[in-house]
Protein backbone atom coordinates (compact mmCIF):
# COMPACT_ATOMS: atom_id res chain seq x y z
CA MET A 1 0.00 0.00 0.00
CA ASN A 2 2.84 2.43 0.83
CA ARG A 3 4.49 1.68 -2.49
CA PHE A 4 1.22 2.43 -4.31
CA LEU A 5 0.90 5.75 -2.45
CA LEU A 6 4.49 6.66 -3.34
CA PHE A 7 3.91 5.94 -7.08
CA PHE A 8 0.65 7.87 -6.95
CA LYS A 9 2.38 10.95 -5.45
CA VAL A 10 5.23 10.75 -7.97
CA GLY A 11 2.71 10.42 -10.82
CA ILE A 12 0.80 13.47 -9.60
CA ALA A 13 4.05 15.46 -9.26
CA ILE A 14 5.10 14.58 -12.83
CA ALA A 15 1.65 15.46 -14.20
CA LEU A 16 1.74 18.81 -12.40
CA LEU A 17 5.25 19.54 -13.69
CA VAL A 18 4.23 18.77 -17.28
CA ALA A 19 1.11 20.95 -16.93
CA VAL A 20 3.08 23.88 -15.47
CA LEU A 21 5.71 23.71 -18.22
CA THR A 22 3.05 23.44 -20.92
CA PHE A 23 0.92 26.32 -19.72
CA SER A 24 3.77 28.61 -18.66
CA GLY A 25 4.82 29.12 -22.26
CA CYS A 26 7.87 26.89 -22.53
CA SER A 27 7.43 26.26 -26.23
CA LYS A 28 9.00 27.26 -29.52
CA SER A 29 6.15 29.70 -30.20
CA ASN A 30 6.91 31.70 -27.04
CA LEU A 31 8.67 34.85 -28.22
CA ALA A 32 10.66 37.25 -26.05
CA LEU A 33 9.25 40.40 -27.71
CA SER A 34 5.51 40.29 -27.76
CA GLY A 35 2.75 42.47 -29.05
CA LYS A 36 -0.40 42.53 -31.10
CA PRO A 37 -0.03 40.52 -34.36
CA LEU A 38 -1.00 42.44 -37.47
CA ARG A 39 -4.03 41.25 -39.41
CA TRP A 40 -3.33 41.34 -43.15
CA ARG A 41 -6.09 42.29 -45.58
CA ASN A 42 -6.36 43.29 -49.21
CA ALA A 43 -4.50 46.61 -49.37
CA THR A 44 -7.30 48.45 -51.17
CA GLU A 45 -9.51 47.94 -48.10
CA ILE A 46 -7.12 50.16 -46.12
CA ILE A 47 -5.46 52.52 -48.59
CA PRO A 48 -6.46 53.92 -52.02
CA PRO A 49 -4.98 52.19 -55.10
CA ASP A 50 -3.24 55.37 -56.32
CA ILE A 51 -1.32 55.60 -53.01
CA ILE A 52 -0.30 51.94 -53.34
CA GLN A 53 0.95 52.62 -56.89
CA ALA A 54 2.88 55.69 -55.70
CA ALA A 55 4.52 53.59 -52.96
CA ILE A 56 5.45 50.90 -55.51
CA ARG A 57 6.87 53.55 -57.85
CA GLN A 58 8.91 55.10 -55.02
CA SER A 59 10.19 51.78 -53.63
CA THR A 60 10.84 49.60 -56.68
CA SER A 61 11.94 49.62 -60.27
CA ILE A 62 9.16 47.43 -61.69
CA LEU A 63 7.50 48.76 -64.81
CA GLU A 64 4.30 50.78 -64.58
CA ASP A 65 2.31 48.26 -66.64
CA GLN A 66 3.05 45.61 -63.96
CA TRP A 67 1.66 47.62 -61.02
CA SER A 68 -1.92 46.53 -61.47
CA SER A 69 -0.93 42.85 -61.32
CA VAL A 70 0.99 43.18 -58.05
CA PRO A 71 -0.96 41.55 -55.19
CA VAL A 72 -0.59 43.64 -52.05
CA ARG A 73 -1.76 43.02 -48.52
CA ALA A 74 -1.86 45.72 -45.87
CA SER A 75 -2.26 46.20 -42.16
CA LYS A 76 -2.27 49.12 -39.79
CA ILE A 77 -0.65 49.75 -36.43
CA GLU A 78 -2.12 52.46 -34.28
CA GLY A 79 -0.58 55.20 -32.21
CA ARG A 80 -1.02 58.96 -32.20
CA GLN A 81 0.09 58.64 -35.81
CA ASN A 82 -1.07 55.44 -37.49
CA VAL A 83 1.31 53.50 -39.71
CA ILE A 84 0.19 51.39 -42.67
CA PHE A 85 2.32 48.42 -43.73
CA LEU A 86 2.23 47.09 -47.27
CA ASN A 87 3.25 43.46 -47.64
CA PHE A 88 4.27 42.19 -51.08
CA ASP A 89 4.90 38.57 -50.03
CA ARG A 90 2.49 37.23 -52.67
CA SER A 91 4.13 39.13 -55.51
CA PRO A 92 6.89 37.30 -57.40
CA GLN A 93 7.94 40.64 -58.93
CA LEU A 94 8.85 41.99 -55.47
CA CYS A 95 10.37 38.89 -53.87
CA GLY A 96 13.91 37.66 -54.35
CA GLN A 97 16.98 36.37 -52.54
CA LEU A 98 16.66 39.02 -49.81
CA GLY A 99 13.00 38.15 -49.22
CA CYS A 100 9.87 40.12 -50.08
CA LEU A 101 9.43 43.85 -49.99
CA GLY A 102 7.64 45.39 -47.02
CA ILE A 103 7.10 49.11 -46.63
CA ALA A 104 5.48 51.43 -44.10
CA LEU A 105 3.62 54.67 -44.78
CA LEU A 106 2.17 57.30 -42.49
CA GLU A 107 -1.60 56.97 -42.70
CA GLN A 108 -2.33 60.70 -43.00
CA SER A 109 0.43 61.94 -45.33
CA HIS A 110 1.21 58.60 -47.04
CA ALA A 111 4.92 59.43 -46.65
CA LEU A 112 7.22 56.41 -46.99
CA ILE A 113 8.88 55.97 -43.58
CA TRP A 114 10.34 52.44 -43.67
CA LYS A 115 11.33 49.87 -46.28
CA SER A 116 12.86 46.44 -45.87
CA TYR A 117 12.91 42.92 -47.22
CA TRP A 118 11.60 40.09 -45.08
CA ASN A 119 11.15 36.37 -45.40
CA PRO A 120 7.45 35.55 -44.93
CA ASN A 121 8.14 31.82 -44.41
CA LEU A 122 7.73 31.41 -40.67
CA PRO A 123 6.55 28.55 -38.45
CA GLU A 124 2.81 28.28 -38.04
CA LYS A 125 1.39 30.69 -35.42
CA THR A 126 4.45 32.97 -35.64
CA PRO A 127 3.31 36.36 -36.93
CA LEU A 128 5.46 38.24 -39.43
CA LEU A 129 4.85 41.60 -37.75
CA VAL A 130 3.56 42.61 -34.33
CA GLN A 131 2.80 46.03 -32.87
CA HIS A 132 5.06 46.29 -29.85
CA ASP A 133 3.62 49.47 -28.31
CA ALA A 134 1.49 52.45 -29.25
CA GLN A 135 3.60 55.50 -28.54
CA THR A 136 3.41 58.63 -30.70
CA MET A 137 4.93 56.56 -33.49
CA PRO A 138 4.25 52.91 -32.71
CA SER A 139 7.14 50.49 -32.51
CA PHE A 140 6.96 47.10 -34.18
CA VAL A 141 8.71 43.74 -34.25
CA VAL A 142 9.57 41.82 -37.41
CA ASN A 143 9.90 38.07 -36.81
CA GLN A 144 12.30 36.18 -39.07
CA LEU A 145 13.60 32.65 -39.26
CA ASN A 146 17.30 32.42 -38.39
CA GLY A 147 18.31 28.79 -38.84
CA GLN A 148 16.07 26.87 -36.47
CA HIS A 149 15.34 29.91 -34.28
CA ILE A 150 13.09 32.96 -34.51
CA GLN A 151 14.96 36.24 -34.72
CA GLN A 152 12.95 39.23 -33.55
CA ILE A 153 13.90 42.71 -34.73
CA LEU A 154 12.43 45.59 -32.73
CA HIS A 155 12.06 48.86 -34.67
CA ARG A 156 11.49 52.20 -32.91
CA TRP A 157 10.93 55.73 -34.21
CA ASP A 158 13.79 58.11 -33.37
CA GLY A 159 12.04 61.31 -34.47
CA LYS A 160 13.14 61.06 -38.10
CA GLU A 161 12.96 57.39 -39.06
CA TYR A 162 12.60 53.85 -37.78
CA HIS A 163 15.79 52.21 -36.57
CA VAL A 164 16.62 48.79 -35.17
CA GLU A 165 16.66 49.07 -31.40
CA GLN A 166 16.97 45.45 -30.36
CA VAL A 167 17.51 42.03 -31.92
CA VAL A 168 16.57 38.93 -29.97
CA ILE A 169 17.17 35.35 -31.06
CA ASN A 170 14.75 33.00 -29.33
CA GLN A 171 16.25 29.63 -28.51
């Protein structure tokens, strides 16, 4: 009977340990820099087509007759000044060895304030972009695959432009 009680207690302890580790976030999807994941939609639901074309013209060298065939998704992060991200990850014309083009515009003036290339191929449930905070100019995190790990790149506004403030590689 004592042996049964001992095995029962050990079994309960192991079950509790597994439950605590599972629910405390000890998993590959647990990222050091967190925030609100962006929800991507058809860009024309967020921004007029002529603004999208102007952003493509300013950011790329693709020919004008190709603009209409470029699939674009968009999302918005909110702060005192909202920022609109354009994601060209479904456009072969704007993807290459460096990744796919991503740009950010101020919502009110449509000024181009950030441009980069990112790899949209991430593990399931890992968002490409998250809003990190909602200051005057919101900061954001770009998640990227770095070997077998997720690299998180935190971008903050310095008064003139976005710059990389922190890079974290999640183990």
